[in-house]
C-alpha atoms as a PDB file:
ATOM      1  CA  MET A   1       6.951 -24.225  -0.095  1.00  0.00           C
ATOM      2  CA  THR A   2       4.764 -22.966  -2.914  1.00  0.00           C
ATOM      3  CA  LEU A   3       3.391 -19.438  -3.225  1.00  0.00           C
ATOM      4  CA  ARG A   4      -0.317 -19.093  -2.454  1.00  0.00           C
ATOM      5  CA  SER A   5      -1.158 -15.387  -2.558  1.00  0.00           C
ATOM      6  CA  VAL A   6      -0.386 -12.133  -4.349  1.00  0.00           C
ATOM      7  CA  VAL A   7      -1.148  -8.865  -2.547  1.00  0.00           C
ATOM      8  CA  PHE A   8      -1.202  -5.528  -4.355  1.00  0.00           C
ATOM      9  CA  ASP A   9      -0.946  -1.891  -3.457  1.00  0.00           C
ATOM     10  CA  LEU A  10      -3.544  -0.025  -5.530  1.00  0.00           C
ATOM     11  CA  ASP A  11      -2.617   3.571  -6.408  1.00  0.00           C
ATOM     12  CA  GLY A  12       0.345   3.537  -8.788  1.00  0.00           C
ATOM     13  CA  THR A  13       0.376  -0.263  -8.932  1.00  0.00           C
ATOM     14  CA  LEU A  14      -2.915  -1.349 -10.521  1.00  0.00           C
ATOM     15  CA  THR A  15      -4.289   2.115 -11.213  1.00  0.00           C
ATOM     16  CA  HIS A  16      -3.258   5.678 -11.923  1.00  0.00           C
ATOM     17  CA  PHE A  17      -4.908   8.301  -9.794  1.00  0.00           C
ATOM     18  CA  ASN A  18      -3.469  11.597  -8.782  1.00  0.00           C
ATOM     19  CA  ILE A  19      -4.179  12.176  -5.112  1.00  0.00           C
ATOM     20  CA  LYS A  20      -3.312  15.676  -3.953  1.00  0.00           C
ATOM     21  CA  THR A  21      -1.223  14.208  -1.154  1.00  0.00           C
ATOM     22  CA  ARG A  22       0.640  17.416  -0.461  1.00  0.00           C
ATOM     23  CA  ASP A  23      -2.599  19.370   0.013  1.00  0.00           C
ATOM     24  CA  ALA A  24      -4.003  16.672   2.290  1.00  0.00           C
ATOM     25  CA  LYS A  25      -0.832  16.622   4.375  1.00  0.00           C
ATOM     26  CA  ILE A  26      -0.882  20.426   4.660  1.00  0.00           C
ATOM     27  CA  ALA A  27      -4.440  20.175   5.982  1.00  0.00           C
ATOM     28  CA  PHE A  28      -3.382  17.514   8.480  1.00  0.00           C
ATOM     29  CA  LEU A  29      -0.387  19.494   9.758  1.00  0.00           C
ATOM     30  CA  ARG A  30      -2.555  22.606  10.030  1.00  0.00           C
ATOM     31  CA  ARG A  31      -4.924  20.708  12.313  1.00  0.00           C
ATOM     32  CA  ILE A  32      -1.998  19.554  14.449  1.00  0.00           C
ATOM     33  CA  ARG A  33      -0.550  23.069  14.723  1.00  0.00           C
ATOM     34  CA  GLU A  34      -3.969  24.399  15.730  1.00  0.00           C
ATOM     35  CA  MET A  35      -3.576  22.130  18.759  1.00  0.00           C
ATOM     36  CA  GLY A  36      -0.448  24.064  19.725  1.00  0.00           C
ATOM     37  CA  ILE A  37       2.072  21.511  18.465  1.00  0.00           C
ATOM     38  CA  ASN A  38       4.890  22.947  16.401  1.00  0.00           C
ATOM     39  CA  SER A  39       8.051  21.061  15.514  1.00  0.00           C
ATOM     40  CA  ARG A  40      10.640  21.149  12.762  1.00  0.00           C
ATOM     41  CA  LEU A  41      10.058  17.380  12.463  1.00  0.00           C
ATOM     42  CA  LEU A  42       6.514  17.948  11.196  1.00  0.00           C
ATOM     43  CA  THR A  43       7.424  18.289   7.527  1.00  0.00           C
ATOM     44  CA  LEU A  44       5.649  17.461   4.284  1.00  0.00           C
ATOM     45  CA  ASP A  45       8.352  15.071   3.116  1.00  0.00           C
ATOM     46  CA  ARG A  46       7.752  12.609   5.966  1.00  0.00           C
ATOM     47  CA  PRO A  47       5.347   9.678   5.455  1.00  0.00           C
ATOM     48  CA  VAL A  48       2.075   9.988   7.349  1.00  0.00           C
ATOM     49  CA  GLU A  49       2.913   6.972   9.513  1.00  0.00           C
ATOM     50  CA  ILE A  50       6.162   8.624  10.616  1.00  0.00           C
ATOM     51  CA  LEU A  51       4.265  11.803  11.529  1.00  0.00           C
ATOM     52  CA  LEU A  52       1.698   9.800  13.484  1.00  0.00           C
ATOM     53  CA  ARG A  53       4.368   7.867  15.350  1.00  0.00           C
ATOM     54  CA  TYR A  54       6.206  11.062  16.269  1.00  0.00           C
ATOM     55  CA  LEU A  55       3.031  12.741  17.562  1.00  0.00           C
ATOM     56  CA  GLU A  56       2.082   9.617  19.474  1.00  0.00           C
ATOM     57  CA  LYS A  57       5.500   9.038  21.097  1.00  0.00           C
ATOM     58  CA  SER A  58       6.755  12.602  21.586  1.00  0.00           C
ATOM     59  CA  HIS A  59       3.486  14.404  22.395  1.00  0.00           C
ATOM     60  CA  GLY A  60       1.407  11.619  23.922  1.00  0.00           C
ATOM     61  CA  LEU A  61      -1.455  11.925  21.431  1.00  0.00           C
ATOM     62  CA  ASP A  62      -3.822   8.993  21.115  1.00  0.00           C
ATOM     63  CA  ARG A  63      -3.315   6.917  17.948  1.00  0.00           C
ATOM     64  CA  ASP A  64      -7.060   6.558  17.275  1.00  0.00           C
ATOM     65  CA  PHE A  65      -7.516  10.321  17.639  1.00  0.00           C
ATOM     66  CA  LEU A  66      -4.671  10.968  15.182  1.00  0.00           C
ATOM     67  CA  LEU A  67      -6.040   8.468  12.691  1.00  0.00           C
ATOM     68  CA  LYS A  68      -9.421  10.188  12.860  1.00  0.00           C
ATOM     69  CA  ILE A  69      -7.840  13.548  12.038  1.00  0.00           C
ATOM     70  CA  ALA A  70      -5.777  12.008   9.225  1.00  0.00           C
ATOM     71  CA  ASP A  71      -8.885  10.367   7.787  1.00  0.00           C
ATOM     72  CA  GLU A  72     -10.828  13.646   7.866  1.00  0.00           C
ATOM     73  CA  CYS A  73      -7.970  15.424   6.049  1.00  0.00           C
ATOM     74  CA  PHE A  74      -7.047  12.771   3.485  1.00  0.00           C
ATOM     75  CA  SER A  75     -10.331  11.058   2.593  1.00  0.00           C
ATOM     76  CA  PRO A  76     -11.884  13.934   0.569  1.00  0.00           C
ATOM     77  CA  TYR A  77      -8.785  14.137  -1.628  1.00  0.00           C
ATOM     78  CA  GLU A  78      -8.649  10.349  -2.029  1.00  0.00           C
ATOM     79  CA  VAL A  79     -12.318  10.071  -2.983  1.00  0.00           C
ATOM     80  CA  GLU A  80     -11.950  12.906  -5.497  1.00  0.00           C
ATOM     81  CA  ALA A  81      -8.942  11.164  -7.056  1.00  0.00           C
ATOM     82  CA  ALA A  82     -10.672   7.771  -7.086  1.00  0.00           C
ATOM     83  CA  GLU A  83     -13.511   9.168  -9.176  1.00  0.00           C
ATOM     84  CA  ARG A  84     -10.965  10.289 -11.801  1.00  0.00           C
ATOM     85  CA  ALA A  85      -8.776   7.164 -11.611  1.00  0.00           C
ATOM     86  CA  GLU A  86      -7.577   5.191 -14.610  1.00  0.00           C
ATOM     87  CA  LEU A  87      -6.922   1.460 -14.646  1.00  0.00           C
ATOM     88  CA  LYS A  88      -3.529   0.381 -15.965  1.00  0.00           C
ATOM     89  CA  PRO A  89      -4.126  -1.277 -19.363  1.00  0.00           C
ATOM     90  CA  GLU A  90      -2.554  -4.596 -18.368  1.00  0.00           C
ATOM     91  CA  ALA A  91      -4.055  -4.839 -14.868  1.00  0.00           C
ATOM     92  CA  ARG A  92      -7.261  -6.770 -15.607  1.00  0.00           C
ATOM     93  CA  ALA A  93      -5.508  -9.416 -17.710  1.00  0.00           C
ATOM     94  CA  ILE A  94      -2.824  -9.981 -15.071  1.00  0.00           C
ATOM     95  CA  LEU A  95      -5.383 -10.291 -12.273  1.00  0.00           C
ATOM     96  CA  GLY A  96      -7.344 -12.756 -14.397  1.00  0.00           C
ATOM     97  CA  LYS A  97      -4.261 -14.899 -15.043  1.00  0.00           C
ATOM     98  CA  LEU A  98      -3.327 -14.955 -11.366  1.00  0.00           C
ATOM     99  CA  LYS A  99      -6.878 -15.929 -10.415  1.00  0.00           C
ATOM    100  CA  THR A 100      -6.873 -18.704 -13.023  1.00  0.00           C
ATOM    101  CA  LEU A 101      -3.573 -20.000 -11.629  1.00  0.00           C
ATOM    102  CA  GLY A 102      -5.225 -20.338  -8.246  1.00  0.00           C
ATOM    103  CA  TYR A 103      -3.608 -17.539  -6.262  1.00  0.00           C
ATOM    104  CA  LYS A 104      -5.510 -15.774  -3.517  1.00  0.00           C
ATOM    105  CA  LEU A 105      -5.489 -12.034  -4.267  1.00  0.00           C
ATOM    106  CA  GLY A 106      -5.500  -9.153  -1.824  1.00  0.00           C
ATOM    107  CA  ILE A 107      -5.110  -5.393  -1.591  1.00  0.00           C
ATOM    108  CA  ALA A 108      -3.190  -3.504   1.085  1.00  0.00           C
ATOM    109  CA  SER A 109      -3.588   0.245   0.672  1.00  0.00           C
ATOM    110  CA  ASN A 110      -2.890   3.292   2.838  1.00  0.00           C
ATOM    111  CA  ASN A 111      -5.936   4.942   1.253  1.00  0.00           C
ATOM    112  CA  CYS A 112      -9.371   4.984   2.894  1.00  0.00           C
ATOM    113  CA  ARG A 113     -11.878   2.190   2.305  1.00  0.00           C
ATOM    114  CA  GLU A 114     -14.355   4.443   0.480  1.00  0.00           C
ATOM    115  CA  CYS A 115     -11.662   5.385  -2.014  1.00  0.00           C
ATOM    116  CA  ILE A 116     -10.712   1.757  -2.666  1.00  0.00           C
ATOM    117  CA  GLU A 117     -14.318   0.652  -3.031  1.00  0.00           C
ATOM    118  CA  ILE A 118     -14.986   3.396  -5.579  1.00  0.00           C
ATOM    119  CA  VAL A 119     -12.049   2.236  -7.697  1.00  0.00           C
ATOM    120  CA  LEU A 120     -12.900  -1.471  -7.467  1.00  0.00           C
ATOM    121  CA  ARG A 121     -16.532  -0.865  -8.428  1.00  0.00           C
ATOM    122  CA  LYS A 122     -15.626   1.595 -11.184  1.00  0.00           C
ATOM    123  CA  PHE A 123     -13.396  -0.935 -12.960  1.00  0.00           C
ATOM    124  CA  GLU A 124     -15.398  -4.027 -11.943  1.00  0.00           C
ATOM    125  CA  LEU A 125     -12.480  -5.524  -9.997  1.00  0.00           C
ATOM    126  CA  VAL A 126     -14.350  -6.513  -6.844  1.00  0.00           C
ATOM    127  CA  ASP A 127     -14.585 -10.207  -7.725  1.00  0.00           C
ATOM    128  CA  PHE A 128     -10.851 -10.550  -8.300  1.00  0.00           C
ATOM    129  CA  PHE A 129      -9.924  -9.952  -4.671  1.00  0.00           C
ATOM    130  CA  ASN A 130     -10.376 -12.277  -1.736  1.00  0.00           C
ATOM    131  CA  GLU A 131      -9.510  -9.601   0.841  1.00  0.00           C
ATOM    132  CA  VAL A 132      -9.038  -5.821   0.927  1.00  0.00           C
ATOM    133  CA  VAL A 133      -7.283  -4.040   3.795  1.00  0.00           C
ATOM    134  CA  THR A 134      -7.204  -0.238   4.000  1.00  0.00           C
ATOM    135  CA  ARG A 135      -6.001   2.256   6.577  1.00  0.00           C
ATOM    136  CA  ASN A 136      -9.453   2.077   8.177  1.00  0.00           C
ATOM    137  CA  ASP A 137      -8.737  -1.532   9.145  1.00  0.00           C
ATOM    138  CA  VAL A 138      -5.421  -1.053  10.985  1.00  0.00           C
ATOM    139  CA  LYS A 139      -3.668   1.130  13.536  1.00  0.00           C
ATOM    140  CA  ARG A 140      -0.422   1.624  11.614  1.00  0.00           C
ATOM    141  CA  LEU A 141       0.156   2.536   7.977  1.00  0.00           C
ATOM    142  CA  LYS A 142       2.834   1.481   5.538  1.00  0.00           C
ATOM    143  CA  PRO A 143       5.847   1.483   5.770  1.00  0.00           C
ATOM    144  CA  HIS A 144       4.814  -0.316   8.961  1.00  0.00           C
ATOM    145  CA  GLU A 145       4.103  -3.982   8.276  1.00  0.00           C
ATOM    146  CA  GLU A 146       0.788  -4.263  10.185  1.00  0.00           C
ATOM    147  CA  MET A 147      -1.351  -3.868   7.064  1.00  0.00           C
ATOM    148  CA  LEU A 148       0.375  -6.763   5.328  1.00  0.00           C
ATOM    149  CA  PHE A 149       0.108  -8.998   8.373  1.00  0.00           C
ATOM    150  CA  GLU A 150      -3.610  -8.226   8.502  1.00  0.00           C
ATOM    151  CA  VAL A 151      -4.286  -9.068   4.869  1.00  0.00           C
ATOM    152  CA  MET A 152      -2.261 -12.294   5.175  1.00  0.00           C
ATOM    153  CA  ARG A 153      -4.194 -13.208   8.324  1.00  0.00           C
ATOM    154  CA  ARG A 154      -7.460 -12.769   6.450  1.00  0.00           C
ATOM    155  CA  LEU A 155      -6.165 -14.727   3.449  1.00  0.00           C
ATOM    156  CA  LYS A 156      -4.890 -17.454   5.816  1.00  0.00           C
ATOM    157  CA  VAL A 157      -1.428 -17.468   4.254  1.00  0.00           C
ATOM    158  CA  LYS A 158       2.120 -17.117   5.582  1.00  0.00           C
ATOM    159  CA  PRO A 159       4.656 -14.429   4.579  1.00  0.00           C
ATOM    160  CA  TRP A 160       6.810 -16.936   2.691  1.00  0.00           C
ATOM    161  CA  GLU A 161       3.724 -17.917   0.673  1.00  0.00           C
ATOM    162  CA  THR A 162       3.015 -14.317  -0.338  1.00  0.00           C
ATOM    163  CA  VAL A 163       4.197 -11.907  -3.024  1.00  0.00           C
ATOM    164  CA  TYR A 164       3.590  -8.221  -2.369  1.00  0.00           C
ATOM    165  CA  VAL A 165       3.510  -5.883  -5.378  1.00  0.00           C
ATOM    166  CA  GLY A 166       3.870  -2.126  -4.895  1.00  0.00           C
ATOM    167  CA  ASP A 167       5.345   0.977  -6.434  1.00  0.00           C
ATOM    168  CA  SER A 168       6.736   2.978  -3.512  1.00  0.00           C
ATOM    169  CA  ILE A 169       9.571   2.811  -1.021  1.00  0.00           C
ATOM    170  CA  ALA A 170       6.946   2.459   1.723  1.00  0.00           C
ATOM    171  CA  ASP A 171       5.606  -0.634  -0.059  1.00  0.00           C
ATOM    172  CA  VAL A 172       9.042  -2.213  -0.285  1.00  0.00           C
ATOM    173  CA  VAL A 173       9.859  -1.517   3.349  1.00  0.00           C
ATOM    174  CA  ALA A 174       6.497  -2.851   4.558  1.00  0.00           C
ATOM    175  CA  GLY A 175       6.773  -5.997   2.453  1.00  0.00           C
ATOM    176  CA  LYS A 176      10.293  -6.822   3.564  1.00  0.00           C
ATOM    177  CA  ARG A 177       9.479  -6.160   7.218  1.00  0.00           C
ATOM    178  CA  ALA A 178       6.505  -8.488   6.897  1.00  0.00           C
ATOM    179  CA  GLY A 179       8.703 -11.208   5.408  1.00  0.00           C
ATOM    180  CA  THR A 180       6.988 -11.450   2.023  1.00  0.00           C
ATOM    181  CA  PHE A 181       8.585 -11.605  -1.373  1.00  0.00           C
ATOM    182  CA  VAL A 182       8.504  -8.053  -2.765  1.00  0.00           C
ATOM    183  CA  VAL A 183       8.102  -6.984  -6.385  1.00  0.00           C
ATOM    184  CA  ALA A 184       8.507  -3.247  -6.980  1.00  0.00           C
ATOM    185  CA  ILE A 185       7.146  -1.457 -10.028  1.00  0.00           C
ATOM    186  CA  GLU A 186       9.693   1.054 -11.218  1.00  0.00           C
ATOM    187  CA  ASN A 187       8.662   4.698 -10.894  1.00  0.00           C
ATOM    188  CA  LYS A 188      10.054   8.056  -9.834  1.00  0.00           C
ATOM    189  CA  GLN A 189      10.823   6.760  -6.343  1.00  0.00           C
ATOM    190  CA  ASN A 190      14.316   5.307  -6.630  1.00  0.00           C
ATOM    191  CA  VAL A 191      14.119   1.984  -4.793  1.00  0.00           C
ATOM    192  CA  THR A 192      17.681   1.182  -5.887  1.00  0.00           C
ATOM    193  CA  ARG A 193      18.866   3.453  -3.069  1.00  0.00           C
ATOM    194  CA  LEU A 194      17.390   1.232  -0.397  1.00  0.00           C
ATOM    195  CA  PRO A 195      19.768  -0.751   1.827  1.00  0.00           C
ATOM    196  CA  ALA A 196      20.323  -4.381   0.871  1.00  0.00           C
ATOM    197  CA  LYS A 197      18.276  -5.812   3.743  1.00  0.00           C
ATOM    198  CA  ILE A 198      15.099  -4.127   2.478  1.00  0.00           C
ATOM    199  CA  TYR A 199      15.817  -4.257  -1.254  1.00  0.00           C
ATOM    200  CA  PRO A 200      12.942  -5.700  -3.342  1.00  0.00           C
ATOM    201  CA  ASP A 201      13.315  -9.221  -4.692  1.00  0.00           C
ATOM    202  CA  PHE A 202      12.511  -7.951  -8.194  1.00  0.00           C
ATOM    203  CA  ILE A 203      12.006  -4.595  -9.885  1.00  0.00           C
ATOM    204  CA  ILE A 204       9.751  -4.603 -12.941  1.00  0.00           C
ATOM    205  CA  GLU A 205       8.831  -1.909 -15.443  1.00  0.00           C
ATOM    206  CA  ASN A 206       5.159  -2.885 -15.716  1.00  0.00           C
ATOM    207  CA  LEU A 207       2.663  -5.518 -14.619  1.00  0.00           C
ATOM    208  CA  ASN A 208       3.146  -7.576 -17.781  1.00  0.00           C
ATOM    209  CA  GLU A 209       6.368  -8.876 -16.228  1.00  0.00           C
ATOM    210  CA  LEU A 210       4.705 -10.058 -13.036  1.00  0.00           C
ATOM    211  CA  ILE A 211       3.672 -13.596 -14.076  1.00  0.00           C
ATOM    212  CA  GLY A 212       7.225 -14.405 -15.185  1.00  0.00           C
ATOM    213  CA  VAL A 213       8.652 -13.042 -11.954  1.00  0.00           C
ATOM    214  CA  ILE A 214       6.215 -15.099  -9.862  1.00  0.00           C
ATOM    215  CA  LYS A 215       7.257 -18.242 -11.756  1.00  0.00           C
ATOM    216  CA  LEU A 216      10.885 -17.467 -10.884  1.00  0.00           C
ATOM    217  CA  LEU A 217       9.944 -16.953  -7.233  1.00  0.00           C
ATOM    218  CA  GLU A 218       8.056 -20.248  -7.254  1.00  0.00           C
ATOM    219  CA  GLU A 219      11.197 -22.011  -8.441  1.00  0.00           C
ATOM    220  CA  ARG A 220      13.305 -20.202  -5.849  1.00  0.00           C
ATOM    221  CA  SER A 221      10.939 -21.009  -2.995  1.00  0.00           C
ATOM    222  CA  PHE A 222      11.522 -24.760  -3.179  1.00  0.00           C
END
């Protein structure tokens, strides 16, 4: 079975932009505590999806209500960061090569849609991508796999036909849970500590290595 699609995370994968995630998460937890919910499990080191799941399961809060609060707290920081974003030097050339080779391209990002659209317009990347899925399109965020299933559904491809490229542990976990091939870009998050069952198929230092890795995966997939 040949590969048909390549799906990317955006922040840290194709671009550099410094979202003040800690400040946004502080704002979110402040809103939750104002509702009278206090717990030692509500900590800044936990991914947003884990916080949402805890509040949903342990306190009976509605998922849509929680997502609305999260969006109100995170979107201003994401939009601010998007306006100052920088495109990785090799990103455009790699996207162009993949498009020329006939791959369908997608984005799966935990950021809001406005943020993603700002970045894609700013760097004139809109035409590269067949589908874009953001947190505004799903109920559950990475490391949950729903976002990847949604982008694959829109691309009309199967997990074994898809390569997912990301730079975080959440990306690796989501990709493996979704059944895709996973390529992780090396950064400060140490993916080598992940258990074997969710270890990425390849770890690369930069996007310039991606075409070679995809060729290896193509050979492996037969």
